PDB file of N, CA and C in Angstrom:
ATOM      1  N   UNK A   1      20.875  21.462  54.704  1.00  0.00           N
ATOM      2  CA  UNK A   1      20.948  21.224  53.506  1.00  0.00           C
ATOM      3  C   UNK A   1      20.654  19.549  53.672  1.00  0.00           C
ATOM      4  N   UNK A   2      19.786  19.615  52.553  1.00  0.00           N
ATOM      5  CA  UNK A   2      19.696  17.803  51.860  1.00  0.00           C
ATOM      6  C   UNK A   2      21.050  17.359  51.525  1.00  0.00           C
ATOM      7  N   UNK A   3      21.382  16.156  51.649  1.00  0.00           N
ATOM      8  CA  UNK A   3      22.198  15.004  50.965  1.00  0.00           C
ATOM      9  C   UNK A   3      21.327  14.561  49.602  1.00  0.00           C
ATOM     10  N   UNK A   4      22.133  14.583  48.819  1.00  0.00           N
ATOM     11  CA  UNK A   4      21.538  14.034  47.458  1.00  0.00           C
ATOM     12  C   UNK A   4      22.544  12.406  47.390  1.00  0.00           C
ATOM     13  N   UNK A   5      21.487  11.270  47.273  1.00  0.00           N
ATOM     14  CA  UNK A   5      22.162  10.006  46.983  1.00  0.00           C
ATOM     15  C   UNK A   5      22.359   9.663  45.476  1.00  0.00           C
ATOM     16  N   UNK A   6      23.090   9.036  45.128  1.00  0.00           N
ATOM     17  CA  UNK A   6      23.427   8.293  43.510  1.00  0.00           C
ATOM     18  C   UNK A   6      21.945   8.140  43.206  1.00  0.00           C
ATOM     19  N   UNK A   7      21.038   7.307  43.471  1.00  0.00           N
ATOM     20  CA  UNK A   7      20.039   7.296  43.035  1.00  0.00           C
ATOM     21  C   UNK A   7      18.975   8.856  42.274  1.00  0.00           C
ATOM     22  N   UNK A   8      19.174   9.605  43.613  1.00  0.00           N
ATOM     23  CA  UNK A   8      18.421  10.579  43.664  1.00  0.00           C
ATOM     24  C   UNK A   8      19.058  11.327  42.569  1.00  0.00           C
ATOM     25  N   UNK A   9      20.288  11.420  42.638  1.00  0.00           N
ATOM     26  CA  UNK A   9      21.186  12.574  41.931  1.00  0.00           C
ATOM     27  C   UNK A   9      20.842  11.942  40.348  1.00  0.00           C
ATOM     28  N   UNK A  10      20.452  10.637  40.050  1.00  0.00           N
ATOM     29  CA  UNK A  10      20.399  10.282  38.587  1.00  0.00           C
ATOM     30  C   UNK A  10      19.103  10.691  38.057  1.00  0.00           C
ATOM     31  N   UNK A  11      17.923  10.638  39.216  1.00  0.00           N
ATOM     32  CA  UNK A  11      16.620  11.017  38.883  1.00  0.00           C
ATOM     33  C   UNK A  11      16.677  12.423  38.671  1.00  0.00           C
ATOM     34  N   UNK A  12      17.561  13.297  39.433  1.00  0.00           N
ATOM     35  CA  UNK A  12      17.229  14.911  38.967  1.00  0.00           C
ATOM     36  C   UNK A  12      17.773  15.093  37.929  1.00  0.00           C
ATOM     37  N   UNK A  13      19.293  14.753  37.681  1.00  0.00           N
ATOM     38  CA  UNK A  13      19.900  14.971  36.545  1.00  0.00           C
ATOM     39  C   UNK A  13      19.153  14.800  35.666  1.00  0.00           C
ATOM     40  N   UNK A  14      18.235  13.724  35.420  1.00  0.00           N
ATOM     41  CA  UNK A  14      17.629  13.452  33.998  1.00  0.00           C
ATOM     42  C   UNK A  14      16.579  14.195  33.932  1.00  0.00           C
ATOM     43  N   UNK A  15      15.857  14.904  34.868  1.00  0.00           N
ATOM     44  CA  UNK A  15      14.853  15.520  35.034  1.00  0.00           C
ATOM     45  C   UNK A  15      15.187  16.857  35.091  1.00  0.00           C
ATOM     46  N   UNK A  16      16.139  17.431  34.967  1.00  0.00           N
ATOM     47  CA  UNK A  16      16.475  19.004  34.854  1.00  0.00           C
ATOM     48  C   UNK A  16      17.153  18.757  33.352  1.00  0.00           C
ATOM     49  N   UNK A  17      17.561  17.918  32.705  1.00  0.00           N
ATOM     50  CA  UNK A  17      18.314  17.676  31.194  1.00  0.00           C
ATOM     51  C   UNK A  17      17.009  17.553  30.244  1.00  0.00           C
ATOM     52  N   UNK A  18      15.680  17.144  30.840  1.00  0.00           N
ATOM     53  CA  UNK A  18      14.811  17.112  30.157  1.00  0.00           C
ATOM     54  C   UNK A  18      14.023  18.300  30.313  1.00  0.00           C
ATOM     55  N   UNK A  19      13.641  19.101  30.954  1.00  0.00           N
ATOM     56  CA  UNK A  19      13.359  20.554  31.354  1.00  0.00           C
ATOM     57  C   UNK A  19      13.869  21.402  30.718  1.00  0.00           C
ATOM     58  N   UNK A  20      15.596  21.257  30.903  1.00  0.00           N
ATOM     59  CA  UNK A  20      15.896  22.473  30.346  1.00  0.00           C
ATOM     60  C   UNK A  20      17.164  22.402  29.265  1.00  0.00           C
ATOM     61  N   UNK A  21      17.625  21.117  29.323  1.00  0.00           N
ATOM     62  CA  UNK A  21      19.094  20.725  28.393  1.00  0.00           C
ATOM     63  C   UNK A  21      19.932  21.138  29.147  1.00  0.00           C
ATOM     64  N   UNK A  22      20.001  21.447  30.443  1.00  0.00           N
ATOM     65  CA  UNK A  22      21.072  20.814  31.345  1.00  0.00           C
ATOM     66  C   UNK A  22      21.913  19.478  31.709  1.00  0.00           C
ATOM     67  N   UNK A  23      23.374  19.117  30.782  1.00  0.00           N
ATOM     68  CA  UNK A  23      23.480  17.916  31.274  1.00  0.00           C
ATOM     69  C   UNK A  23      24.914  17.845  32.769  1.00  0.00           C
ATOM     70  N   UNK A  24      24.471  16.981  33.822  1.00  0.00           N
ATOM     71  CA  UNK A  24      25.204  17.222  34.719  1.00  0.00           C
ATOM     72  C   UNK A  24      25.772  15.884  34.614  1.00  0.00           C
ATOM     73  N   UNK A  25      27.250  16.125  34.714  1.00  0.00           N
ATOM     74  CA  UNK A  25      27.858  14.963  34.659  1.00  0.00           C
ATOM     75  C   UNK A  25      28.032  14.458  35.648  1.00  0.00           C
ATOM     76  N   UNK A  26      28.529  13.250  36.121  1.00  0.00           N
ATOM     77  CA  UNK A  26      29.166  12.730  37.457  1.00  0.00           C
ATOM     78  C   UNK A  26      30.113  13.443  38.312  1.00  0.00           C
ATOM     79  N   UNK A  27      30.113  13.970  39.356  1.00  0.00           N
ATOM     80  CA  UNK A  27      30.807  14.755  40.382  1.00  0.00           C
ATOM     81  C   UNK A  27      30.119  15.915  40.199  1.00  0.00           C
ATOM     82  N   UNK A  28      28.939  16.442  40.020  1.00  0.00           N
ATOM     83  CA  UNK A  28      28.430  17.683  40.392  1.00  0.00           C
ATOM     84  C   UNK A  28      26.959  17.316  41.049  1.00  0.00           C
ATOM     85  N   UNK A  29      27.203  16.588  41.884  1.00  0.00           N
ATOM     86  CA  UNK A  29      26.084  16.277  42.926  1.00  0.00           C
ATOM     87  C   UNK A  29      25.956  17.624  44.218  1.00  0.00           C
ATOM     88  N   UNK A  30      27.154  18.066  44.128  1.00  0.00           N
ATOM     89  CA  UNK A  30      27.164  19.551  45.088  1.00  0.00           C
ATOM     90  C   UNK A  30      25.873  20.267  44.301  1.00  0.00           C
ATOM     91  N   UNK A  31      25.729  20.469  43.413  1.00  0.00           N
ATOM     92  CA  UNK A  31      25.278  21.549  42.531  1.00  0.00           C
ATOM     93  C   UNK A  31      23.621  21.405  42.753  1.00  0.00           C
ATOM     94  N   UNK A  32      23.494  20.198  42.820  1.00  0.00           N
ATOM     95  CA  UNK A  32      22.057  19.532  43.225  1.00  0.00           C
ATOM     96  C   UNK A  32      21.862  20.567  44.538  1.00  0.00           C
ATOM     97  N   UNK A  33      22.567  19.488  45.443  1.00  0.00           N
ATOM     98  CA  UNK A  33      22.617  19.665  46.933  1.00  0.00           C
ATOM     99  C   UNK A  33      22.645  21.368  47.351  1.00  0.00           C
ATOM    100  N   UNK A  34      23.457  22.476  46.450  1.00  0.00           N
ATOM    101  CA  UNK A  34      23.471  23.484  46.808  1.00  0.00           C
ATOM    102  C   UNK A  34      22.585  24.271  46.569  1.00  0.00           C
ATOM    103  N   UNK A  35      21.801  23.903  45.168  1.00  0.00           N
ATOM    104  CA  UNK A  35      20.754  25.200  44.040  1.00  0.00           C
ATOM    105  C   UNK A  35      19.331  24.512  44.869  1.00  0.00           C
ATOM    106  N   UNK A  36      19.289  23.376  44.814  1.00  0.00           N
ATOM    107  CA  UNK A  36      18.034  22.751  45.025  1.00  0.00           C
ATOM    108  C   UNK A  36      17.448  22.537  46.737  1.00  0.00           C
ATOM    109  N   UNK A  37      18.502  22.106  47.543  1.00  0.00           N
ATOM    110  CA  UNK A  37      18.024  21.896  48.644  1.00  0.00           C
ATOM    111  C   UNK A  37      16.860  22.988  49.432  1.00  0.00           C
ATOM    112  N   UNK A  38      17.150  23.880  49.415  1.00  0.00           N
ATOM    113  CA  UNK A  38      16.559  24.803  50.172  1.00  0.00           C
ATOM    114  C   UNK A  38      14.872  24.950  49.405  1.00  0.00           C
ATOM    115  N   UNK A  39      14.816  24.893  48.136  1.00  0.00           N
ATOM    116  CA  UNK A  39      13.542  24.889  47.031  1.00  0.00           C
ATOM    117  C   UNK A  39      12.902  23.477  47.629  1.00  0.00           C
ATOM    118  N   UNK A  40      14.323  22.371  47.781  1.00  0.00           N
ATOM    119  CA  UNK A  40      13.212  21.059  48.286  1.00  0.00           C
ATOM    120  C   UNK A  40      12.788  20.980  49.498  1.00  0.00           C
ATOM    121  N   UNK A  41      13.372  21.878  50.648  1.00  0.00           N
ATOM    122  CA  UNK A  41      12.741  21.981  52.221  1.00  0.00           C
ATOM    123  C   UNK A  41      11.795  22.970  52.060  1.00  0.00           C
ATOM    124  N   UNK A  42      11.741  23.966  51.187  1.00  0.00           N
ATOM    125  CA  UNK A  42      10.471  24.715  51.173  1.00  0.00           C
ATOM    126  C   UNK A  42       9.321  24.093  50.637  1.00  0.00           C
ATOM    127  N   UNK A  43       9.623  23.237  49.809  1.00  0.00           N
ATOM    128  CA  UNK A  43       8.679  22.387  48.975  1.00  0.00           C
ATOM    129  C   UNK A  43       7.976  21.108  50.136  1.00  0.00           C
ATOM    130  N   UNK A  44       8.185  21.268  51.130  1.00  0.00           N
ATOM    131  CA  UNK A  44       8.013  20.370  52.099  1.00  0.00           C
ATOM    132  C   UNK A  44       8.448  19.062  51.889  1.00  0.00           C
ATOM    133  N   UNK A  45      10.031  18.970  51.281  1.00  0.00           N
ATOM    134  CA  UNK A  45      10.199  17.384  50.797  1.00  0.00           C
ATOM    135  C   UNK A  45      11.417  16.970  51.937  1.00  0.00           C
ATOM    136  N   UNK A  46      11.232  15.983  52.346  1.00  0.00           N
ATOM    137  CA  UNK A  46      12.328  15.599  53.209  1.00  0.00           C
ATOM    138  C   UNK A  46      13.564  14.711  52.791  1.00  0.00           C
ATOM    139  N   UNK A  47      13.140  14.217  51.122  1.00  0.00           N
ATOM    140  CA  UNK A  47      14.516  13.708  50.264  1.00  0.00           C
ATOM    141  C   UNK A  47      14.478  14.532  49.288  1.00  0.00           C
ATOM    142  N   UNK A  48      15.470  14.360  48.548  1.00  0.00           N
ATOM    143  CA  UNK A  48      15.240  14.555  46.783  1.00  0.00           C
ATOM    144  C   UNK A  48      14.728  13.728  46.075  1.00  0.00           C
ATOM    145  N   UNK A  49      14.559  12.783  46.530  1.00  0.00           N
ATOM    146  CA  UNK A  49      13.201  11.595  45.867  1.00  0.00           C
ATOM    147  C   UNK A  49      11.972  11.935  45.576  1.00  0.00           C
ATOM    148  N   UNK A  50      11.704  12.689  47.082  1.00  0.00           N
ATOM    149  CA  UNK A  50      10.200  12.718  47.404  1.00  0.00           C
ATOM    150  C   UNK A  50       9.920  14.559  46.412  1.00  0.00           C
ATOM    151  N   UNK A  51      11.195  15.222  46.602  1.00  0.00           N
ATOM    152  CA  UNK A  51      11.320  16.220  45.495  1.00  0.00           C
ATOM    153  C   UNK A  51      11.220  16.072  44.277  1.00  0.00           C
ATOM    154  N   UNK A  52      11.620  15.158  43.531  1.00  0.00           N
ATOM    155  CA  UNK A  52      11.462  14.705  42.171  1.00  0.00           C
ATOM    156  C   UNK A  52      10.145  14.638  41.926  1.00  0.00           C
ATOM    157  N   UNK A  53       9.525  13.341  42.893  1.00  0.00           N
ATOM    158  CA  UNK A  53       8.245  13.286  43.060  1.00  0.00           C
ATOM    159  C   UNK A  53       7.106  14.122  42.703  1.00  0.00           C
ATOM    160  N   UNK A  54       7.553  15.204  43.447  1.00  0.00           N
ATOM    161  CA  UNK A  54       6.794  16.188  43.690  1.00  0.00           C
ATOM    162  C   UNK A  54       6.818  17.448  42.386  1.00  0.00           C
ATOM    163  N   UNK A  55       7.720  17.267  41.794  1.00  0.00           N
ATOM    164  CA  UNK A  55       8.296  18.169  40.920  1.00  0.00           C
ATOM    165  C   UNK A  55       7.584  17.541  39.304  1.00  0.00           C
ATOM    166  N   UNK A  56       7.611  15.911  39.510  1.00  0.00           N
ATOM    167  CA  UNK A  56       7.039  15.350  38.261  1.00  0.00           C
ATOM    168  C   UNK A  56       5.743  15.569  38.325  1.00  0.00           C
ATOM    169  N   UNK A  57       4.876  15.428  39.102  1.00  0.00           N
ATOM    170  CA  UNK A  57       3.373  15.522  39.615  1.00  0.00           C
ATOM    171  C   UNK A  57       2.698  17.297  39.813  1.00  0.00           C
ATOM    172  N   UNK A  58       4.000  18.236  39.807  1.00  0.00           N
ATOM    173  CA  UNK A  58       2.991  19.561  40.136  1.00  0.00           C
ATOM    174  C   UNK A  58       2.303  19.504  38.708  1.00  0.00           C
ATOM    175  N   UNK A  59       1.327  19.882  38.353  1.00  0.00           N
ATOM    176  CA  UNK A  59       0.574  20.026  36.932  1.00  0.00           C
ATOM    177  C   UNK A  59       0.667  21.816  36.902  1.00  0.00           C
ATOM    178  N   UNK A  60       1.183  22.745  37.950  1.00  0.00           N
ATOM    179  CA  UNK A  60       1.108  24.213  37.668  1.00  0.00           C
ATOM    180  C   UNK A  60       2.477  24.636  36.844  1.00  0.00           C
ATOM    181  N   UNK A  61       3.399  23.614  36.746  1.00  0.00           N
ATOM    182  CA  UNK A  61       4.213  24.421  36.437  1.00  0.00           C
ATOM    183  C   UNK A  61       5.716  25.084  37.234  1.00  0.00           C
ATOM    184  N   UNK A  62       5.122  25.355  38.060  1.00  0.00           N
ATOM    185  CA  UNK A  62       5.684  26.440  39.389  1.00  0.00           C
ATOM    186  C   UNK A  62       6.765  25.713  39.973  1.00  0.00           C
ATOM    187  N   UNK A  63       7.000  24.731  39.995  1.00  0.00           N
ATOM    188  CA  UNK A  63       7.923  24.116  40.753  1.00  0.00           C
ATOM    189  C   UNK A  63       8.713  23.853  39.371  1.00  0.00           C
ATOM    190  N   UNK A  64       8.614  22.913  38.320  1.00  0.00           N
ATOM    191  CA  UNK A  64       9.482  22.776  37.509  1.00  0.00           C
ATOM    192  C   UNK A  64      10.395  24.285  37.205  1.00  0.00           C
ATOM    193  N   UNK A  65       9.088  25.562  36.922  1.00  0.00           N
ATOM    194  CA  UNK A  65       9.929  26.698  36.553  1.00  0.00           C
ATOM    195  C   UNK A  65      11.009  26.978  37.725  1.00  0.00           C
ATOM    196  N   UNK A  66      10.852  26.939  39.274  1.00  0.00           N
ATOM    197  CA  UNK A  66      11.422  26.890  40.267  1.00  0.00           C
ATOM    198  C   UNK A  66      13.171  26.680  39.865  1.00  0.00           C
ATOM    199  N   UNK A  67      12.734  25.184  39.495  1.00  0.00           N
ATOM    200  CA  UNK A  67      14.109  24.251  39.688  1.00  0.00           C
ATOM    201  C   UNK A  67      15.043  24.539  38.318  1.00  0.00           C
ATOM    202  N   UNK A  68      14.286  25.031  37.146  1.00  0.00           N
ATOM    203  CA  UNK A  68      15.156  25.215  36.012  1.00  0.00           C
ATOM    204  C   UNK A  68      16.043  26.620  36.488  1.00  0.00           C
ATOM    205  N   UNK A  69      14.954  27.750  36.979  1.00  0.00           N
ATOM    206  CA  UNK A  69      15.552  28.564  37.569  1.00  0.00           C
ATOM    207  C   UNK A  69      16.697  28.949  38.616  1.00  0.00           C
ATOM    208  N   UNK A  70      16.597  27.979  39.785  1.00  0.00           N
ATOM    209  CA  UNK A  70      17.791  27.458  40.584  1.00  0.00           C
ATOM    210  C   UNK A  70      18.878  27.076  39.724  1.00  0.00           C
ATOM    211  N   UNK A  71      18.633  25.984  38.932  1.00  0.00           N
ATOM    212  CA  UNK A  71      20.067  25.514  38.444  1.00  0.00           C
ATOM    213  C   UNK A  71      20.496  26.183  37.244  1.00  0.00           C
ATOM    214  N   UNK A  72      19.772  27.223  36.511  1.00  0.00           N
ATOM    215  CA  UNK A  72      20.579  27.719  35.662  1.00  0.00           C
ATOM    216  C   UNK A  72      21.410  29.269  35.802  1.00  0.00           C
ATOM    217  N   UNK A  73      22.382  29.677  35.124  1.00  0.00           N
ATOM    218  CA  UNK A  73      23.308  30.468  35.895  1.00  0.00           C
ATOM    219  C   UNK A  73      22.764  31.858  36.052  1.00  0.00           C
ATOM    220  N   UNK A  74      21.779  32.235  35.055  1.00  0.00           N
ATOM    221  CA  UNK A  74      21.231  33.943  35.639  1.00  0.00           C
ATOM    222  C   UNK A  74      21.979  34.679  35.424  1.00  0.00           C
ATOM    223  N   UNK A  75      23.008  34.401  34.608  1.00  0.00           N
ATOM    224  CA  UNK A  75      24.130  35.399  34.545  1.00  0.00           C
ATOM    225  C   UNK A  75      24.300  36.231  32.900  1.00  0.00           C
ATOM    226  N   UNK A  76      24.103  37.292  32.644  1.00  0.00           N
ATOM    227  CA  UNK A  76      24.342  37.303  30.976  1.00  0.00           C
ATOM    228  C   UNK A  76      25.501  38.924  30.838  1.00  0.00           C
ATOM    229  N   UNK A  77      25.815  38.758  32.323  1.00  0.00           N
ATOM    230  CA  UNK A  77      27.307  39.907  31.609  1.00  0.00           C
ATOM    231  C   UNK A  77      28.041  39.124  30.764  1.00  0.00           C
ATOM    232  N   UNK A  78      28.760  39.986  29.849  1.00  0.00           N
ATOM    233  CA  UNK A  78      29.493  39.786  28.472  1.00  0.00           C
ATOM    234  C   UNK A  78      30.677  39.200  29.278  1.00  0.00           C
ATOM    235  N   UNK A  79      31.356  39.913  30.046  1.00  0.00           N
ATOM    236  CA  UNK A  79      32.942  39.925  30.809  1.00  0.00           C
ATOM    237  C   UNK A  79      32.973  38.917  31.841  1.00  0.00           C
ATOM    238  N   UNK A  80      31.824  38.355  32.055  1.00  0.00           N
ATOM    239  CA  UNK A  80      31.715  37.451  33.227  1.00  0.00           C
ATOM    240  C   UNK A  80      33.106  36.705  33.448  1.00  0.00           C
ATOM    241  N   UNK A  81      33.679  35.900  32.748  1.00  0.00           N
ATOM    242  CA  UNK A  81      34.779  35.089  32.953  1.00  0.00           C
ATOM    243  C   UNK A  81      36.133  35.936  32.817  1.00  0.00           C
ATOM    244  N   UNK A  82      36.984  36.292  33.686  1.00  0.00           N
ATOM    245  CA  UNK A  82      37.847  36.971  33.304  1.00  0.00           C
ATOM    246  C   UNK A  82      38.845  36.021  32.416  1.00  0.00           C
ATOM    247  N   UNK A  83      38.676  35.011  32.951  1.00  0.00           N
ATOM    248  CA  UNK A  83      40.393  33.923  32.041  1.00  0.00           C
ATOM    249  C   UNK A  83      40.100  33.813  30.725  1.00  0.00           C
ATOM    250  N   UNK A  84      38.699  33.870  30.477  1.00  0.00           N
ATOM    251  CA  UNK A  84      38.304  34.020  28.906  1.00  0.00           C
ATOM    252  C   UNK A  84      38.789  34.659  28.089  1.00  0.00           C
ATOM    253  N   UNK A  85      38.928  35.907  28.745  1.00  0.00           N
ATOM    254  CA  UNK A  85      39.368  37.323  27.983  1.00  0.00           C
ATOM    255  C   UNK A  85      41.046  37.528  28.055  1.00  0.00           C
ATOM    256  N   UNK A  86      41.109  36.985  29.033  1.00  0.00           N
ATOM    257  CA  UNK A  86      42.629  36.544  29.602  1.00  0.00           C
ATOM    258  C   UNK A  86      43.546  36.207  28.218  1.00  0.00           C
ATOM    259  N   UNK A  87      42.690  34.756  28.349  1.00  0.00           N
ATOM    260  CA  UNK A  87      43.287  33.778  27.088  1.00  0.00           C
ATOM    261  C   UNK A  87      42.911  34.506  25.706  1.00  0.00           C
ATOM    262  N   UNK A  88      41.976  34.821  25.387  1.00  0.00           N
ATOM    263  CA  UNK A  88      41.834  35.388  24.436  1.00  0.00           C
ATOM    264  C   UNK A  88      42.753  36.562  23.812  1.00  0.00           C
ATOM    265  N   UNK A  89      42.911  37.510  24.773  1.00  0.00           N
ATOM    266  CA  UNK A  89      44.104  38.712  24.647  1.00  0.00           C
ATOM    267  C   UNK A  89      45.812  37.807  24.496  1.00  0.00           C
ATOM    268  N   UNK A  90      45.819  37.036  25.706  1.00  0.00           N
ATOM    269  CA  UNK A  90      47.108  36.647  25.377  1.00  0.00           C
ATOM    270  C   UNK A  90      47.711  35.356  24.720  1.00  0.00           C
ATOM    271  N   UNK A  91      46.405  34.445  23.888  1.00  0.00           N
ATOM    272  CA  UNK A  91      46.938  33.270  23.682  1.00  0.00           C
ATOM    273  C   UNK A  91      46.301  33.283  22.237  1.00  0.00           C
ATOM    274  N   UNK A  92      44.789  33.285  21.722  1.00  0.00           N
ATOM    275  CA  UNK A  92      44.230  33.117  20.610  1.00  0.00           C
ATOM    276  C   UNK A  92      44.400  34.518  19.892  1.00  0.00           C
ATOM    277  N   UNK A  93      44.081  35.355  20.319  1.00  0.00           N
ATOM    278  CA  UNK A  93      44.127  36.703  18.850  1.00  0.00           C
ATOM    279  C   UNK A  93      45.421  36.987  18.774  1.00  0.00           C
ATOM    280  N   UNK A  94      46.639  36.842  19.260  1.00  0.00           N
ATOM    281  CA  UNK A  94      47.987  36.683  18.753  1.00  0.00           C
ATOM    282  C   UNK A  94      48.183  35.728  17.827  1.00  0.00           C
ATOM    283  N   UNK A  95      47.853  34.290  18.239  1.00  0.00           N
ATOM    284  CA  UNK A  95      48.024  32.835  17.076  1.00  0.00           C
ATOM    285  C   UNK A  95      47.391  33.089  15.890  1.00  0.00           C
ATOM    286  N   UNK A  96      45.981  33.960  16.351  1.00  0.00           N
ATOM    287  CA  UNK A  96      44.919  33.872  15.234  1.00  0.00           C
ATOM    288  C   UNK A  96      45.764  35.271  14.093  1.00  0.00           C
ATOM    289  N   UNK A  97      46.382  36.129  14.735  1.00  0.00           N
ATOM    290  CA  UNK A  97      46.809  37.144  13.905  1.00  0.00           C
ATOM    291  C   UNK A  97      48.286  36.503  13.088  1.00  0.00           C
ATOM    292  N   UNK A  98      48.734  36.075  13.744  1.00  0.00           N
ATOM    293  CA  UNK A  98      50.127  35.431  13.425  1.00  0.00           C
ATOM    294  C   UNK A  98      49.887  34.847  11.802  1.00  0.00           C
ATOM    295  N   UNK A  99      48.526  33.683  11.981  1.00  0.00           N
ATOM    296  CA  UNK A  99      48.369  32.754  11.170  1.00  0.00           C
ATOM    297  C   UNK A  99      47.467  33.446   9.745  1.00  0.00           C
ATOM    298  N   UNK A 100      46.749  34.409  10.379  1.00  0.00           N
ATOM    299  CA  UNK A 100      46.586  35.716   9.063  1.00  0.00           C
ATOM    300  C   UNK A 100      47.526  36.101   8.424  1.00  0.00           C
ATOM    301  N   UNK A 101      48.255  36.534   9.343  1.00  0.00           N
ATOM    302  CA  UNK A 101      49.400  37.546   8.141  1.00  0.00           C
ATOM    303  C   UNK A 101      50.473  36.530   7.622  1.00  0.00           C
ATOM    304  N   UNK A 102      50.278  35.060   7.551  1.00  0.00           N
ATOM    305  CA  UNK A 102      50.810  34.029   7.082  1.00  0.00           C
ATOM    306  C   UNK A 102      50.201  33.548   5.886  1.00  0.00           C
ATOM    307  N   UNK A 103      49.330  34.151   5.739  1.00  0.00           N
ATOM    308  CA  UNK A 103      47.921  33.894   4.743  1.00  0.00           C
ATOM    309  C   UNK A 103      46.858  32.842   5.119  1.00  0.00           C
ATOM    310  N   UNK A 104      46.746  32.687   6.487  1.00  0.00           N
ATOM    311  CA  UNK A 104      46.202  31.263   6.339  1.00  0.00           C
ATOM    312  C   UNK A 104      44.695  32.253   6.716  1.00  0.00           C
ATOM    313  N   UNK A 105      43.536  31.319   6.351  1.00  0.00           N
ATOM    314  CA  UNK A 105      41.996  31.684   6.766  1.00  0.00           C
ATOM    315  C   UNK A 105      42.102  31.426   8.415  1.00  0.00           C
ATOM    316  N   UNK A 106      41.423  32.493   8.591  1.00  0.00           N
ATOM    317  CA  UNK A 106      41.159  32.499  10.762  1.00  0.00           C
ATOM    318  C   UNK A 106      39.223  32.626  10.459  1.00  0.00           C
ATOM    319  N   UNK A 107      39.117  31.979  11.254  1.00  0.00           N
ATOM    320  CA  UNK A 107      37.269  32.185  11.280  1.00  0.00           C
ATOM    321  C   UNK A 107      37.117  32.644  12.737  1.00  0.00           C
ATOM    322  N   UNK A 108      36.373  33.607  13.014  1.00  0.00           N
ATOM    323  CA  UNK A 108      35.895  33.309  14.636  1.00  0.00           C
ATOM    324  C   UNK A 108      34.380  33.358  14.882  1.00  0.00           C
ATOM    325  N   UNK A 109      34.115  32.526  15.956  1.00  0.00           N
ATOM    326  CA  UNK A 109      32.361  32.357  15.825  1.00  0.00           C
ATOM    327  C   UNK A 109      31.969  32.769  17.263  1.00  0.00           C
ATOM    328  N   UNK A 110      31.105  33.923  17.595  1.00  0.00           N
ATOM    329  CA  UNK A 110      30.951  34.430  19.087  1.00  0.00           C
ATOM    330  C   UNK A 110      29.280  33.720  18.769  1.00  0.00           C
ATOM    331  N   UNK A 111      29.321  32.921  19.772  1.00  0.00           N
ATOM    332  CA  UNK A 111      28.136  32.179  20.317  1.00  0.00           C
ATOM    333  C   UNK A 111      27.105  33.266  20.983  1.00  0.00           C
ATOM    334  N   UNK A 112      26.061  32.638  20.785  1.00  0.00           N
ATOM    335  CA  UNK A 112      25.142  33.559  21.373  1.00  0.00           C
ATOM    336  C   UNK A 112      24.770  33.749  22.919  1.00  0.00           C
ATOM    337  N   UNK A 113      24.802  34.947  23.410  1.00  0.00           N
ATOM    338  CA  UNK A 113      24.438  35.262  24.659  1.00  0.00           C
ATOM    339  C   UNK A 113      22.812  35.276  25.136  1.00  0.00           C
ATOM    340  N   UNK A 114      22.335  35.025  26.122  1.00  0.00           N
ATOM    341  CA  UNK A 114      20.551  35.157  26.527  1.00  0.00           C
ATOM    342  C   UNK A 114      20.198  36.662  26.142  1.00  0.00           C
ATOM    343  N   UNK A 115      20.803  37.794  26.204  1.00  0.00           N
ATOM    344  CA  UNK A 115      20.107  38.652  25.908  1.00  0.00           C
ATOM    345  C   UNK A 115      20.984  39.748  24.943  1.00  0.00           C
ATOM    346  N   UNK A 116      21.825  39.366  23.914  1.00  0.00           N
ATOM    347  CA  UNK A 116      22.584  39.567  22.776  1.00  0.00           C
ATOM    348  C   UNK A 116      24.045  40.265  23.119  1.00  0.00           C
ATOM    349  N   UNK A 117      24.270  40.406  23.965  1.00  0.00           N
ATOM    350  CA  UNK A 117      25.709  41.034  24.685  1.00  0.00           C
ATOM    351  C   UNK A 117      26.811  40.996  23.554  1.00  0.00           C
ATOM    352  N   UNK A 118      26.622  39.550  22.623  1.00  0.00           N
ATOM    353  CA  UNK A 118      27.822  39.592  21.953  1.00  0.00           C
ATOM    354  C   UNK A 118      27.801  40.273  21.048  1.00  0.00           C
TER     355      UNK A 118
END
């Protein structure tokens, strides 16, 4: 596995944000290392700086596509995160029902999922 330096992390996080809108804050270096090391090595790169350069100059778009695919979750299960559902069941829904019973308006927003499970 390759280790990412701070300058390499900054290059790649900017590249990733430009390509697919994923913002990587400080402290997420492990995501670059764990998700992109294999791809960088497959691309015959000895460093993430070299990998970034190769990605920027790839005219086919295939490397960019593979980077985006590696950095995205690719998980569309509606009940993927059980802690979210536990929070809804134990705290949020009872709180909303209590507010609604006392006459307050309650609104619920369901953000879109990639394949429409919502």
